[in-house]
């Protein structure tokens, strides 16, 4: 019930992200048929947000739209967004590559 109250206070991109988390039952989707789970050696994560820790990330399946913060696009295309726990999100290969590139600067 508390999770629904959170959604009612949000707007814009935050509201879209919360709707995606809600759609995915506040569960990390890594390894559940959409993307492989590098953080858990290919074993599905399936972690469920407990409401106390950092909110789970919402990830763009199409990396061309990552970091764009495009409200209108995300609103019209929720099918390319999934919920990931922070650990799984950070361990995706293209995120790891971005981290390496940013530390070389």
C-alpha atoms as a PDB file:
ATOM      1  CA  UNK A   1       0.000   0.000   0.000  1.00  0.00           C
ATOM      2  CA  UNK A   2       2.853   2.410   0.785  1.00  0.00           C
ATOM      3  CA  UNK A   3       4.249   1.955  -2.726  1.00  0.00           C
ATOM      4  CA  UNK A   4       1.009   3.320  -4.214  1.00  0.00           C
ATOM      5  CA  UNK A   5       1.306   6.461  -2.062  1.00  0.00           C
ATOM      6  CA  UNK A   6       4.811   7.027  -3.433  1.00  0.00           C
ATOM      7  CA  UNK A   7       3.467   6.963  -7.007  1.00  0.00           C
ATOM      8  CA  UNK A   8       0.798   9.555  -6.277  1.00  0.00           C
ATOM      9  CA  UNK A   9       3.389  12.161  -5.231  1.00  0.00           C
ATOM     10  CA  UNK A  10       5.571  11.847  -8.306  1.00  0.00           C
ATOM     11  CA  UNK A  11       5.404  13.481 -11.716  1.00  0.00           C
ATOM     12  CA  UNK A  12       7.214  13.479 -15.038  1.00  0.00           C
ATOM     13  CA  UNK A  13      10.080  11.013 -15.448  1.00  0.00           C
ATOM     14  CA  UNK A  14       9.893   9.993 -11.805  1.00  0.00           C
ATOM     15  CA  UNK A  15       6.263   8.979 -12.287  1.00  0.00           C
ATOM     16  CA  UNK A  16       7.102   6.960 -15.414  1.00  0.00           C
ATOM     17  CA  UNK A  17       9.923   5.185 -13.565  1.00  0.00           C
ATOM     18  CA  UNK A  18       7.648   4.391 -10.642  1.00  0.00           C
ATOM     19  CA  UNK A  19       4.981   3.024 -13.003  1.00  0.00           C
ATOM     20  CA  UNK A  20       7.603   0.711 -14.530  1.00  0.00           C
ATOM     21  CA  UNK A  21       8.700  -0.474 -11.077  1.00  0.00           C
ATOM     22  CA  UNK A  22       5.055  -1.089 -10.185  1.00  0.00           C
ATOM     23  CA  UNK A  23       4.412  -2.943 -13.476  1.00  0.00           C
ATOM     24  CA  UNK A  24       7.404  -5.171 -12.699  1.00  0.00           C
ATOM     25  CA  UNK A  25       6.126  -5.768  -9.136  1.00  0.00           C
ATOM     26  CA  UNK A  26       9.167  -3.969  -7.683  1.00  0.00           C
ATOM     27  CA  UNK A  27      11.282  -6.957  -8.736  1.00  0.00           C
ATOM     28  CA  UNK A  28      14.623  -6.933 -10.538  1.00  0.00           C
ATOM     29  CA  UNK A  29      13.989  -8.276 -14.040  1.00  0.00           C
ATOM     30  CA  UNK A  30      17.613  -9.226 -14.685  1.00  0.00           C
ATOM     31  CA  UNK A  31      17.846 -12.771 -15.953  1.00  0.00           C
ATOM     32  CA  UNK A  32      14.073 -13.247 -16.113  1.00  0.00           C
ATOM     33  CA  UNK A  33      13.975 -13.673 -19.882  1.00  0.00           C
ATOM     34  CA  UNK A  34      14.751 -10.156 -21.105  1.00  0.00           C
ATOM     35  CA  UNK A  35      18.457  -9.710 -20.379  1.00  0.00           C
ATOM     36  CA  UNK A  36      21.185 -11.950 -18.965  1.00  0.00           C
ATOM     37  CA  UNK A  37      22.269 -11.328 -15.387  1.00  0.00           C
ATOM     38  CA  UNK A  38      26.018 -10.577 -15.315  1.00  0.00           C
ATOM     39  CA  UNK A  39      25.981  -9.828 -11.589  1.00  0.00           C
ATOM     40  CA  UNK A  40      24.825 -13.342 -10.687  1.00  0.00           C
ATOM     41  CA  UNK A  41      26.657 -15.494 -13.285  1.00  0.00           C
ATOM     42  CA  UNK A  42      23.565 -15.828 -15.468  1.00  0.00           C
ATOM     43  CA  UNK A  43      21.284 -16.884 -12.610  1.00  0.00           C
ATOM     44  CA  UNK A  44      18.143 -14.703 -12.475  1.00  0.00           C
ATOM     45  CA  UNK A  45      18.344 -12.054  -9.756  1.00  0.00           C
ATOM     46  CA  UNK A  46      14.637 -11.663  -8.968  1.00  0.00           C
ATOM     47  CA  UNK A  47      15.378  -9.445  -5.964  1.00  0.00           C
ATOM     48  CA  UNK A  48      12.290  -7.659  -4.649  1.00  0.00           C
ATOM     49  CA  UNK A  49      12.564  -4.086  -3.363  1.00  0.00           C
ATOM     50  CA  UNK A  50      11.879  -3.989   0.373  1.00  0.00           C
ATOM     51  CA  UNK A  51      10.945  -0.305   0.512  1.00  0.00           C
ATOM     52  CA  UNK A  52      13.857   0.565   2.785  1.00  0.00           C
ATOM     53  CA  UNK A  53      16.846   0.458   0.469  1.00  0.00           C
ATOM     54  CA  UNK A  54      17.643   2.548  -2.584  1.00  0.00           C
ATOM     55  CA  UNK A  55      14.810   2.399  -5.128  1.00  0.00           C
ATOM     56  CA  UNK A  56      15.529   0.073  -8.022  1.00  0.00           C
ATOM     57  CA  UNK A  57      16.779   1.556 -11.276  1.00  0.00           C
ATOM     58  CA  UNK A  58      14.721   1.718 -14.454  1.00  0.00           C
ATOM     59  CA  UNK A  59      16.802   0.660 -17.437  1.00  0.00           C
ATOM     60  CA  UNK A  60      16.336   1.357 -21.153  1.00  0.00           C
ATOM     61  CA  UNK A  61      16.585  -1.877 -23.148  1.00  0.00           C
ATOM     62  CA  UNK A  62      17.544   0.239 -26.161  1.00  0.00           C
ATOM     63  CA  UNK A  63      20.845   1.817 -25.143  1.00  0.00           C
ATOM     64  CA  UNK A  64      20.394   4.609 -27.707  1.00  0.00           C
ATOM     65  CA  UNK A  65      17.847   6.149 -25.343  1.00  0.00           C
ATOM     66  CA  UNK A  66      19.852   5.781 -22.158  1.00  0.00           C
ATOM     67  CA  UNK A  67      20.607   9.013 -20.321  1.00  0.00           C
ATOM     68  CA  UNK A  68      18.301  11.039 -22.564  1.00  0.00           C
ATOM     69  CA  UNK A  69      15.670  11.773 -19.893  1.00  0.00           C
ATOM     70  CA  UNK A  70      13.110  12.026 -22.678  1.00  0.00           C
ATOM     71  CA  UNK A  71       9.781  12.094 -20.871  1.00  0.00           C
ATOM     72  CA  UNK A  72       7.615  11.956 -23.997  1.00  0.00           C
ATOM     73  CA  UNK A  73       9.479   9.011 -25.520  1.00  0.00           C
ATOM     74  CA  UNK A  74       9.537   7.017 -22.274  1.00  0.00           C
ATOM     75  CA  UNK A  75       5.845   7.716 -21.696  1.00  0.00           C
ATOM     76  CA  UNK A  76       4.956   6.362 -25.146  1.00  0.00           C
ATOM     77  CA  UNK A  77       7.335   3.363 -25.018  1.00  0.00           C
ATOM     78  CA  UNK A  78       7.214   1.726 -21.575  1.00  0.00           C
ATOM     79  CA  UNK A  79       7.928  -1.635 -23.234  1.00  0.00           C
ATOM     80  CA  UNK A  80      11.610  -0.721 -23.590  1.00  0.00           C
ATOM     81  CA  UNK A  81      11.961   0.030 -19.868  1.00  0.00           C
ATOM     82  CA  UNK A  82      12.590  -2.569 -17.163  1.00  0.00           C
ATOM     83  CA  UNK A  83      13.278  -2.579 -13.432  1.00  0.00           C
ATOM     84  CA  UNK A  84      16.757  -3.586 -12.271  1.00  0.00           C
ATOM     85  CA  UNK A  85      18.325  -3.603  -8.825  1.00  0.00           C
ATOM     86  CA  UNK A  86      21.302  -1.271  -8.607  1.00  0.00           C
ATOM     87  CA  UNK A  87      23.839  -4.130  -8.538  1.00  0.00           C
ATOM     88  CA  UNK A  88      22.514  -5.722 -11.731  1.00  0.00           C
ATOM     89  CA  UNK A  89      22.233  -2.352 -13.468  1.00  0.00           C
ATOM     90  CA  UNK A  90      25.838  -1.437 -12.672  1.00  0.00           C
ATOM     91  CA  UNK A  91      27.076  -4.829 -13.890  1.00  0.00           C
ATOM     92  CA  UNK A  92      25.563  -4.645 -17.374  1.00  0.00           C
ATOM     93  CA  UNK A  93      28.409  -4.774 -19.922  1.00  0.00           C
ATOM     94  CA  UNK A  94      27.678  -1.402 -21.555  1.00  0.00           C
ATOM     95  CA  UNK A  95      27.402   0.282 -18.132  1.00  0.00           C
ATOM     96  CA  UNK A  96      30.768  -1.245 -17.152  1.00  0.00           C
ATOM     97  CA  UNK A  97      32.235   0.122 -20.387  1.00  0.00           C
ATOM     98  CA  UNK A  98      30.885   3.604 -19.609  1.00  0.00           C
ATOM     99  CA  UNK A  99      32.444   3.410 -16.135  1.00  0.00           C
ATOM    100  CA  UNK A 100      35.831   2.476 -17.638  1.00  0.00           C
ATOM    101  CA  UNK A 101      35.667   5.336 -20.141  1.00  0.00           C
ATOM    102  CA  UNK A 102      34.715   7.877 -17.476  1.00  0.00           C
ATOM    103  CA  UNK A 103      37.645   6.889 -15.239  1.00  0.00           C
ATOM    104  CA  UNK A 104      40.137   7.307 -18.107  1.00  0.00           C
ATOM    105  CA  UNK A 105      39.376  11.030 -18.441  1.00  0.00           C
END
